[in-house]
């Protein structure tokens, strides 16, 4: 009976490529084409502190509250399409794909770090009600299961209003997230893995990391599913 139900499930709900929708074998997420077209962030070409390519490293011109930032993919091609579906078309199960890739990236780049817990960049209550879920929370929960690290669901909360980040310049992004987040836990001496969906300038991650440090964290490392590899416009 179980075998029959499993076969029926595969027929009614086939496993599809998160990028283009092509039907795949079970336990696969990207078809061969989308796999080839997805641009991976190669660890040996990145600055693991700021998360930017080494030829664009920002460590000398900016102060970061986090101790490292990584991502498995650049925000381009099929994975960008998949992220849009994940965030805006209720494809919550895509969290499994992104979290698996993020966990592999963590094992590769932060192999010498012992994390005490995983948390995520929060959404406002109104934003979460409108979307139905916080995509970063889904990612952090999946990563905690894969890596066997404790998950703190509501470690960070929003305490102020902010505009949509992608419409703003770098300077305005920094101002937009200032004093918007707050950590409501005692995390003295803890090493934190902070999760978000996309890293663009890193302003949101940096503000969240600052609040975690204020709450007592000793170190904060960041991982996102995608990282933008484009120079921000000044206006």
C-alpha atoms as a PDB file:
ATOM      1  CA  UNK A   1       0.000   0.000   0.000  1.00  0.00           C
ATOM      2  CA  UNK A   2       2.816   2.418   0.897  1.00  0.00           C
ATOM      3  CA  UNK A   3       4.496   1.727  -2.432  1.00  0.00           C
ATOM      4  CA  UNK A   4       1.239   2.385  -4.282  1.00  0.00           C
ATOM      5  CA  UNK A   5       0.606   5.630  -2.381  1.00  0.00           C
ATOM      6  CA  UNK A   6       4.167   6.746  -3.064  1.00  0.00           C
ATOM      7  CA  UNK A   7       3.755   6.081  -6.788  1.00  0.00           C
ATOM      8  CA  UNK A   8       0.416   7.894  -6.813  1.00  0.00           C
ATOM      9  CA  UNK A   9       1.988  10.890  -5.070  1.00  0.00           C
ATOM     10  CA  UNK A  10       4.765  11.048  -7.679  1.00  0.00           C
ATOM     11  CA  UNK A  11       2.170  11.065 -10.462  1.00  0.00           C
ATOM     12  CA  UNK A  12      -0.076  13.696  -8.887  1.00  0.00           C
ATOM     13  CA  UNK A  13       2.718  15.825  -7.403  1.00  0.00           C
ATOM     14  CA  UNK A  14       5.852  15.256  -9.513  1.00  0.00           C
ATOM     15  CA  UNK A  15       9.213  16.557  -8.349  1.00  0.00           C
ATOM     16  CA  UNK A  16      10.097  19.579 -10.486  1.00  0.00           C
ATOM     17  CA  UNK A  17      13.112  21.813 -11.090  1.00  0.00           C
ATOM     18  CA  UNK A  18      12.877  24.870  -8.844  1.00  0.00           C
ATOM     19  CA  UNK A  19      14.155  27.015 -11.707  1.00  0.00           C
ATOM     20  CA  UNK A  20      12.209  26.019 -14.815  1.00  0.00           C
ATOM     21  CA  UNK A  21       9.614  23.489 -13.645  1.00  0.00           C
ATOM     22  CA  UNK A  22      10.960  20.475 -15.576  1.00  0.00           C
ATOM     23  CA  UNK A  23      10.034  17.124 -14.021  1.00  0.00           C
ATOM     24  CA  UNK A  24      12.982  15.561 -12.195  1.00  0.00           C
ATOM     25  CA  UNK A  25      13.898  12.403 -10.340  1.00  0.00           C
ATOM     26  CA  UNK A  26      13.129  12.404  -6.627  1.00  0.00           C
ATOM     27  CA  UNK A  27      15.649  14.192  -4.357  1.00  0.00           C
ATOM     28  CA  UNK A  28      16.797  16.477  -7.211  1.00  0.00           C
ATOM     29  CA  UNK A  29      16.133  20.224  -7.261  1.00  0.00           C
ATOM     30  CA  UNK A  30      17.738  21.617 -10.422  1.00  0.00           C
ATOM     31  CA  UNK A  31      17.697  20.220 -13.960  1.00  0.00           C
ATOM     32  CA  UNK A  32      21.039  19.958 -15.773  1.00  0.00           C
ATOM     33  CA  UNK A  33      20.456  23.216 -17.669  1.00  0.00           C
ATOM     34  CA  UNK A  34      19.496  25.257 -14.596  1.00  0.00           C
ATOM     35  CA  UNK A  35      22.375  23.721 -12.663  1.00  0.00           C
ATOM     36  CA  UNK A  36      24.830  24.890 -15.329  1.00  0.00           C
ATOM     37  CA  UNK A  37      23.234  28.341 -15.554  1.00  0.00           C
ATOM     38  CA  UNK A  38      23.261  28.948 -11.790  1.00  0.00           C
ATOM     39  CA  UNK A  39      26.255  31.028 -10.728  1.00  0.00           C
ATOM     40  CA  UNK A  40      27.872  29.704  -7.585  1.00  0.00           C
ATOM     41  CA  UNK A  41      29.827  31.803  -5.104  1.00  0.00           C
ATOM     42  CA  UNK A  42      33.199  30.075  -5.081  1.00  0.00           C
ATOM     43  CA  UNK A  43      34.767  30.231  -1.618  1.00  0.00           C
ATOM     44  CA  UNK A  44      38.319  30.657  -2.924  1.00  0.00           C
ATOM     45  CA  UNK A  45      37.287  33.798  -4.839  1.00  0.00           C
ATOM     46  CA  UNK A  46      35.382  35.441  -1.971  1.00  0.00           C
ATOM     47  CA  UNK A  47      36.367  37.439   1.052  1.00  0.00           C
ATOM     48  CA  UNK A  48      34.699  35.365   3.764  1.00  0.00           C
ATOM     49  CA  UNK A  49      34.497  38.405   6.045  1.00  0.00           C
ATOM     50  CA  UNK A  50      32.383  40.787   3.942  1.00  0.00           C
ATOM     51  CA  UNK A  51      31.090  38.160   1.500  1.00  0.00           C
ATOM     52  CA  UNK A  52      32.128  40.083  -1.623  1.00  0.00           C
ATOM     53  CA  UNK A  53      34.468  38.872  -4.387  1.00  0.00           C
ATOM     54  CA  UNK A  54      38.079  39.490  -3.366  1.00  0.00           C
ATOM     55  CA  UNK A  55      38.533  42.112  -6.097  1.00  0.00           C
ATOM     56  CA  UNK A  56      35.661  44.086  -4.531  1.00  0.00           C
ATOM     57  CA  UNK A  57      36.393  43.396  -0.861  1.00  0.00           C
ATOM     58  CA  UNK A  58      34.868  46.138   1.324  1.00  0.00           C
ATOM     59  CA  UNK A  59      36.664  45.316   4.586  1.00  0.00           C
ATOM     60  CA  UNK A  60      39.024  48.302   4.328  1.00  0.00           C
ATOM     61  CA  UNK A  61      36.279  50.878   3.773  1.00  0.00           C
ATOM     62  CA  UNK A  62      33.490  49.583   6.017  1.00  0.00           C
ATOM     63  CA  UNK A  63      33.022  48.284   9.539  1.00  0.00           C
ATOM     64  CA  UNK A  64      31.103  45.027   9.808  1.00  0.00           C
ATOM     65  CA  UNK A  65      29.536  43.737  12.991  1.00  0.00           C
ATOM     66  CA  UNK A  66      29.428  40.181  11.655  1.00  0.00           C
ATOM     67  CA  UNK A  67      32.501  37.931  11.532  1.00  0.00           C
ATOM     68  CA  UNK A  68      31.752  36.380   8.166  1.00  0.00           C
ATOM     69  CA  UNK A  69      29.170  36.280   5.372  1.00  0.00           C
ATOM     70  CA  UNK A  70      28.672  33.565   2.777  1.00  0.00           C
ATOM     71  CA  UNK A  71      26.143  32.370   0.194  1.00  0.00           C
ATOM     72  CA  UNK A  72      26.048  29.379  -2.168  1.00  0.00           C
ATOM     73  CA  UNK A  73      24.714  31.324  -5.188  1.00  0.00           C
ATOM     74  CA  UNK A  74      24.818  34.738  -6.801  1.00  0.00           C
ATOM     75  CA  UNK A  75      21.459  36.456  -7.228  1.00  0.00           C
ATOM     76  CA  UNK A  76      21.097  35.685 -10.920  1.00  0.00           C
ATOM     77  CA  UNK A  77      19.685  33.149 -13.375  1.00  0.00           C
ATOM     78  CA  UNK A  78      17.486  30.177 -12.397  1.00  0.00           C
ATOM     79  CA  UNK A  79      18.120  30.468  -8.653  1.00  0.00           C
ATOM     80  CA  UNK A  80      16.920  34.078  -8.728  1.00  0.00           C
ATOM     81  CA  UNK A  81      13.700  32.872 -10.366  1.00  0.00           C
ATOM     82  CA  UNK A  82      13.423  30.128  -7.747  1.00  0.00           C
ATOM     83  CA  UNK A  83      13.892  32.655  -4.937  1.00  0.00           C
ATOM     84  CA  UNK A  84      11.116  34.846  -6.354  1.00  0.00           C
ATOM     85  CA  UNK A  85       8.774  31.837  -6.389  1.00  0.00           C
ATOM     86  CA  UNK A  86       9.835  30.955  -2.860  1.00  0.00           C
ATOM     87  CA  UNK A  87       9.143  34.437  -1.522  1.00  0.00           C
ATOM     88  CA  UNK A  88       6.128  35.584  -3.517  1.00  0.00           C
ATOM     89  CA  UNK A  89       4.359  32.524  -4.951  1.00  0.00           C
ATOM     90  CA  UNK A  90       4.016  30.427  -1.795  1.00  0.00           C
ATOM     91  CA  UNK A  91       6.599  27.824  -2.791  1.00  0.00           C
ATOM     92  CA  UNK A  92       7.561  27.216   0.843  1.00  0.00           C
ATOM     93  CA  UNK A  93       8.995  23.779   0.031  1.00  0.00           C
ATOM     94  CA  UNK A  94      11.782  25.483  -1.950  1.00  0.00           C
ATOM     95  CA  UNK A  95      13.301  26.164   1.481  1.00  0.00           C
ATOM     96  CA  UNK A  96      14.604  22.574   1.441  1.00  0.00           C
ATOM     97  CA  UNK A  97      16.656  23.213  -1.689  1.00  0.00           C
ATOM     98  CA  UNK A  98      18.129  26.529  -0.590  1.00  0.00           C
ATOM     99  CA  UNK A  99      18.790  25.325   2.970  1.00  0.00           C
ATOM    100  CA  UNK A 100      20.628  22.240   1.711  1.00  0.00           C
ATOM    101  CA  UNK A 101      22.919  24.376  -0.445  1.00  0.00           C
ATOM    102  CA  UNK A 102      23.440  26.885   2.380  1.00  0.00           C
ATOM    103  CA  UNK A 103      24.323  24.086   4.799  1.00  0.00           C
ATOM    104  CA  UNK A 104      26.935  22.734   2.386  1.00  0.00           C
ATOM    105  CA  UNK A 105      28.381  26.227   2.089  1.00  0.00           C
ATOM    106  CA  UNK A 106      28.545  26.540   5.889  1.00  0.00           C
ATOM    107  CA  UNK A 107      30.356  23.211   6.193  1.00  0.00           C
ATOM    108  CA  UNK A 108      32.871  24.329   3.588  1.00  0.00           C
ATOM    109  CA  UNK A 109      33.519  27.909   4.711  1.00  0.00           C
ATOM    110  CA  UNK A 110      32.839  27.819   8.460  1.00  0.00           C
ATOM    111  CA  UNK A 111      34.070  24.297   9.188  1.00  0.00           C
ATOM    112  CA  UNK A 112      36.120  25.466  12.179  1.00  0.00           C
ATOM    113  CA  UNK A 113      33.235  27.379  13.812  1.00  0.00           C
ATOM    114  CA  UNK A 114      31.100  25.832  16.553  1.00  0.00           C
ATOM    115  CA  UNK A 115      27.663  27.484  16.494  1.00  0.00           C
ATOM    116  CA  UNK A 116      25.491  27.683  19.594  1.00  0.00           C
ATOM    117  CA  UNK A 117      22.282  28.455  17.721  1.00  0.00           C
ATOM    118  CA  UNK A 118      20.707  29.557  14.444  1.00  0.00           C
ATOM    119  CA  UNK A 119      18.386  32.542  14.079  1.00  0.00           C
ATOM    120  CA  UNK A 120      17.041  34.616  11.218  1.00  0.00           C
ATOM    121  CA  UNK A 121      16.390  38.165  10.086  1.00  0.00           C
ATOM    122  CA  UNK A 122      12.819  38.891  11.251  1.00  0.00           C
ATOM    123  CA  UNK A 123       9.846  40.295   9.369  1.00  0.00           C
ATOM    124  CA  UNK A 124       7.330  42.770  10.695  1.00  0.00           C
ATOM    125  CA  UNK A 125       4.073  41.236  11.943  1.00  0.00           C
ATOM    126  CA  UNK A 126       2.153  42.905   9.105  1.00  0.00           C
ATOM    127  CA  UNK A 127       4.644  41.681   6.509  1.00  0.00           C
ATOM    128  CA  UNK A 128       4.457  38.117   7.818  1.00  0.00           C
ATOM    129  CA  UNK A 129       0.647  38.167   7.823  1.00  0.00           C
ATOM    130  CA  UNK A 130       0.566  39.427   4.224  1.00  0.00           C
ATOM    131  CA  UNK A 131       3.039  36.816   2.954  1.00  0.00           C
ATOM    132  CA  UNK A 132       1.923  34.039   5.256  1.00  0.00           C
ATOM    133  CA  UNK A 133       5.439  33.123   6.373  1.00  0.00           C
ATOM    134  CA  UNK A 134       8.928  34.512   6.865  1.00  0.00           C
ATOM    135  CA  UNK A 135      11.108  32.880   4.199  1.00  0.00           C
ATOM    136  CA  UNK A 136      14.260  33.480   6.260  1.00  0.00           C
ATOM    137  CA  UNK A 137      12.679  31.677   9.208  1.00  0.00           C
ATOM    138  CA  UNK A 138      11.912  28.668   7.006  1.00  0.00           C
ATOM    139  CA  UNK A 139      15.523  28.633   5.815  1.00  0.00           C
ATOM    140  CA  UNK A 140      16.960  28.904   9.318  1.00  0.00           C
ATOM    141  CA  UNK A 141      14.715  26.095  10.585  1.00  0.00           C
ATOM    142  CA  UNK A 142      15.773  23.759   7.758  1.00  0.00           C
ATOM    143  CA  UNK A 143      19.452  24.604   8.268  1.00  0.00           C
ATOM    144  CA  UNK A 144      19.159  23.878  11.991  1.00  0.00           C
ATOM    145  CA  UNK A 145      17.770  20.410  11.182  1.00  0.00           C
ATOM    146  CA  UNK A 146      20.460  19.652   8.611  1.00  0.00           C
ATOM    147  CA  UNK A 147      23.376  20.786  10.786  1.00  0.00           C
ATOM    148  CA  UNK A 148      21.921  19.751  14.132  1.00  0.00           C
ATOM    149  CA  UNK A 149      22.174  23.246  15.619  1.00  0.00           C
ATOM    150  CA  UNK A 150      19.597  24.669  18.026  1.00  0.00           C
ATOM    151  CA  UNK A 151      17.049  27.003  16.400  1.00  0.00           C
ATOM    152  CA  UNK A 152      15.968  30.236  18.140  1.00  0.00           C
ATOM    153  CA  UNK A 153      12.790  31.233  16.290  1.00  0.00           C
ATOM    154  CA  UNK A 154      12.183  34.700  17.736  1.00  0.00           C
ATOM    155  CA  UNK A 155      15.675  35.733  18.766  1.00  0.00           C
ATOM    156  CA  UNK A 156      15.374  38.966  16.772  1.00  0.00           C
ATOM    157  CA  UNK A 157      12.262  41.093  16.407  1.00  0.00           C
ATOM    158  CA  UNK A 158      11.352  44.199  14.431  1.00  0.00           C
ATOM    159  CA  UNK A 159      10.664  47.252  16.596  1.00  0.00           C
ATOM    160  CA  UNK A 160      10.376  49.948  13.933  1.00  0.00           C
ATOM    161  CA  UNK A 161       9.159  50.555  10.408  1.00  0.00           C
ATOM    162  CA  UNK A 162      11.309  50.480   7.301  1.00  0.00           C
ATOM    163  CA  UNK A 163      10.878  50.990   3.589  1.00  0.00           C
ATOM    164  CA  UNK A 164      11.500  48.278   1.015  1.00  0.00           C
ATOM    165  CA  UNK A 165      15.288  47.930   0.856  1.00  0.00           C
ATOM    166  CA  UNK A 166      15.749  47.132  -2.844  1.00  0.00           C
ATOM    167  CA  UNK A 167      14.492  50.606  -3.834  1.00  0.00           C
ATOM    168  CA  UNK A 168      17.193  52.422  -1.841  1.00  0.00           C
ATOM    169  CA  UNK A 169      20.841  53.386  -2.304  1.00  0.00           C
ATOM    170  CA  UNK A 170      23.529  51.926  -0.060  1.00  0.00           C
ATOM    171  CA  UNK A 171      23.561  54.938   2.253  1.00  0.00           C
ATOM    172  CA  UNK A 172      19.767  54.935   2.527  1.00  0.00           C
ATOM    173  CA  UNK A 173      19.712  51.178   3.189  1.00  0.00           C
ATOM    174  CA  UNK A 174      21.964  51.681   6.188  1.00  0.00           C
ATOM    175  CA  UNK A 175      19.761  54.465   7.560  1.00  0.00           C
ATOM    176  CA  UNK A 176      16.586  52.520   6.782  1.00  0.00           C
ATOM    177  CA  UNK A 177      17.434  49.567   9.068  1.00  0.00           C
ATOM    178  CA  UNK A 178      19.000  51.558  11.908  1.00  0.00           C
ATOM    179  CA  UNK A 179      17.308  50.708  15.238  1.00  0.00           C
ATOM    180  CA  UNK A 180      14.673  48.580  13.468  1.00  0.00           C
ATOM    181  CA  UNK A 181      15.679  45.277  15.086  1.00  0.00           C
ATOM    182  CA  UNK A 182      16.100  44.128  18.668  1.00  0.00           C
ATOM    183  CA  UNK A 183      17.343  40.929  20.313  1.00  0.00           C
ATOM    184  CA  UNK A 184      15.102  39.780  23.142  1.00  0.00           C
ATOM    185  CA  UNK A 185      17.226  36.928  24.513  1.00  0.00           C
ATOM    186  CA  UNK A 186      20.194  36.616  26.820  1.00  0.00           C
ATOM    187  CA  UNK A 187      22.893  35.248  24.518  1.00  0.00           C
ATOM    188  CA  UNK A 188      26.049  36.068  26.475  1.00  0.00           C
ATOM    189  CA  UNK A 189      29.115  34.460  24.947  1.00  0.00           C
ATOM    190  CA  UNK A 190      27.185  32.663  22.193  1.00  0.00           C
ATOM    191  CA  UNK A 191      28.355  32.135  18.632  1.00  0.00           C
ATOM    192  CA  UNK A 192      25.426  32.840  16.305  1.00  0.00           C
ATOM    193  CA  UNK A 193      24.565  31.747  12.781  1.00  0.00           C
ATOM    194  CA  UNK A 194      22.339  34.456  11.283  1.00  0.00           C
ATOM    195  CA  UNK A 195      20.219  33.514   8.249  1.00  0.00           C
ATOM    196  CA  UNK A 196      18.569  35.621   5.544  1.00  0.00           C
ATOM    197  CA  UNK A 197      17.389  35.051   1.983  1.00  0.00           C
ATOM    198  CA  UNK A 198      19.436  37.562  -0.047  1.00  0.00           C
ATOM    199  CA  UNK A 199      22.467  39.688   0.761  1.00  0.00           C
ATOM    200  CA  UNK A 200      22.721  42.871  -1.318  1.00  0.00           C
ATOM    201  CA  UNK A 201      24.720  45.490   0.559  1.00  0.00           C
ATOM    202  CA  UNK A 202      24.715  43.627   3.866  1.00  0.00           C
ATOM    203  CA  UNK A 203      23.087  46.543   5.699  1.00  0.00           C
ATOM    204  CA  UNK A 204      20.273  44.434   7.155  1.00  0.00           C
ATOM    205  CA  UNK A 205      22.614  41.642   8.232  1.00  0.00           C
ATOM    206  CA  UNK A 206      24.978  44.165   9.775  1.00  0.00           C
ATOM    207  CA  UNK A 207      22.244  45.832  11.828  1.00  0.00           C
ATOM    208  CA  UNK A 208      20.944  42.469  13.048  1.00  0.00           C
ATOM    209  CA  UNK A 209      24.489  41.380  13.926  1.00  0.00           C
ATOM    210  CA  UNK A 210      24.963  44.606  15.878  1.00  0.00           C
ATOM    211  CA  UNK A 211      21.881  43.906  17.961  1.00  0.00           C
ATOM    212  CA  UNK A 212      23.031  40.340  18.627  1.00  0.00           C
ATOM    213  CA  UNK A 213      26.392  41.662  19.838  1.00  0.00           C
ATOM    214  CA  UNK A 214      24.651  44.218  22.064  1.00  0.00           C
ATOM    215  CA  UNK A 215      22.680  41.311  23.571  1.00  0.00           C
ATOM    216  CA  UNK A 216      25.940  39.563  24.445  1.00  0.00           C
ATOM    217  CA  UNK A 217      26.845  37.388  21.452  1.00  0.00           C
ATOM    218  CA  UNK A 218      30.583  36.818  21.078  1.00  0.00           C
ATOM    219  CA  UNK A 219      30.555  36.210  17.316  1.00  0.00           C
ATOM    220  CA  UNK A 220      27.997  36.404  14.513  1.00  0.00           C
ATOM    221  CA  UNK A 221      28.351  34.649  11.162  1.00  0.00           C
ATOM    222  CA  UNK A 222      25.895  35.188   8.310  1.00  0.00           C
ATOM    223  CA  UNK A 223      24.628  32.935   5.548  1.00  0.00           C
ATOM    224  CA  UNK A 224      22.171  33.827   2.793  1.00  0.00           C
ATOM    225  CA  UNK A 225      20.816  31.779  -0.089  1.00  0.00           C
ATOM    226  CA  UNK A 226      21.812  34.384  -2.675  1.00  0.00           C
ATOM    227  CA  UNK A 227      24.315  37.239  -2.799  1.00  0.00           C
ATOM    228  CA  UNK A 228      24.108  40.160  -5.203  1.00  0.00           C
ATOM    229  CA  UNK A 229      27.299  40.619  -7.200  1.00  0.00           C
ATOM    230  CA  UNK A 230      26.657  44.070  -8.607  1.00  0.00           C
ATOM    231  CA  UNK A 231      27.949  47.471  -7.628  1.00  0.00           C
ATOM    232  CA  UNK A 232      25.292  49.516  -5.873  1.00  0.00           C
ATOM    233  CA  UNK A 233      24.223  52.732  -7.534  1.00  0.00           C
ATOM    234  CA  UNK A 234      24.970  55.914  -5.645  1.00  0.00           C
ATOM    235  CA  UNK A 235      21.520  57.337  -6.270  1.00  0.00           C
END
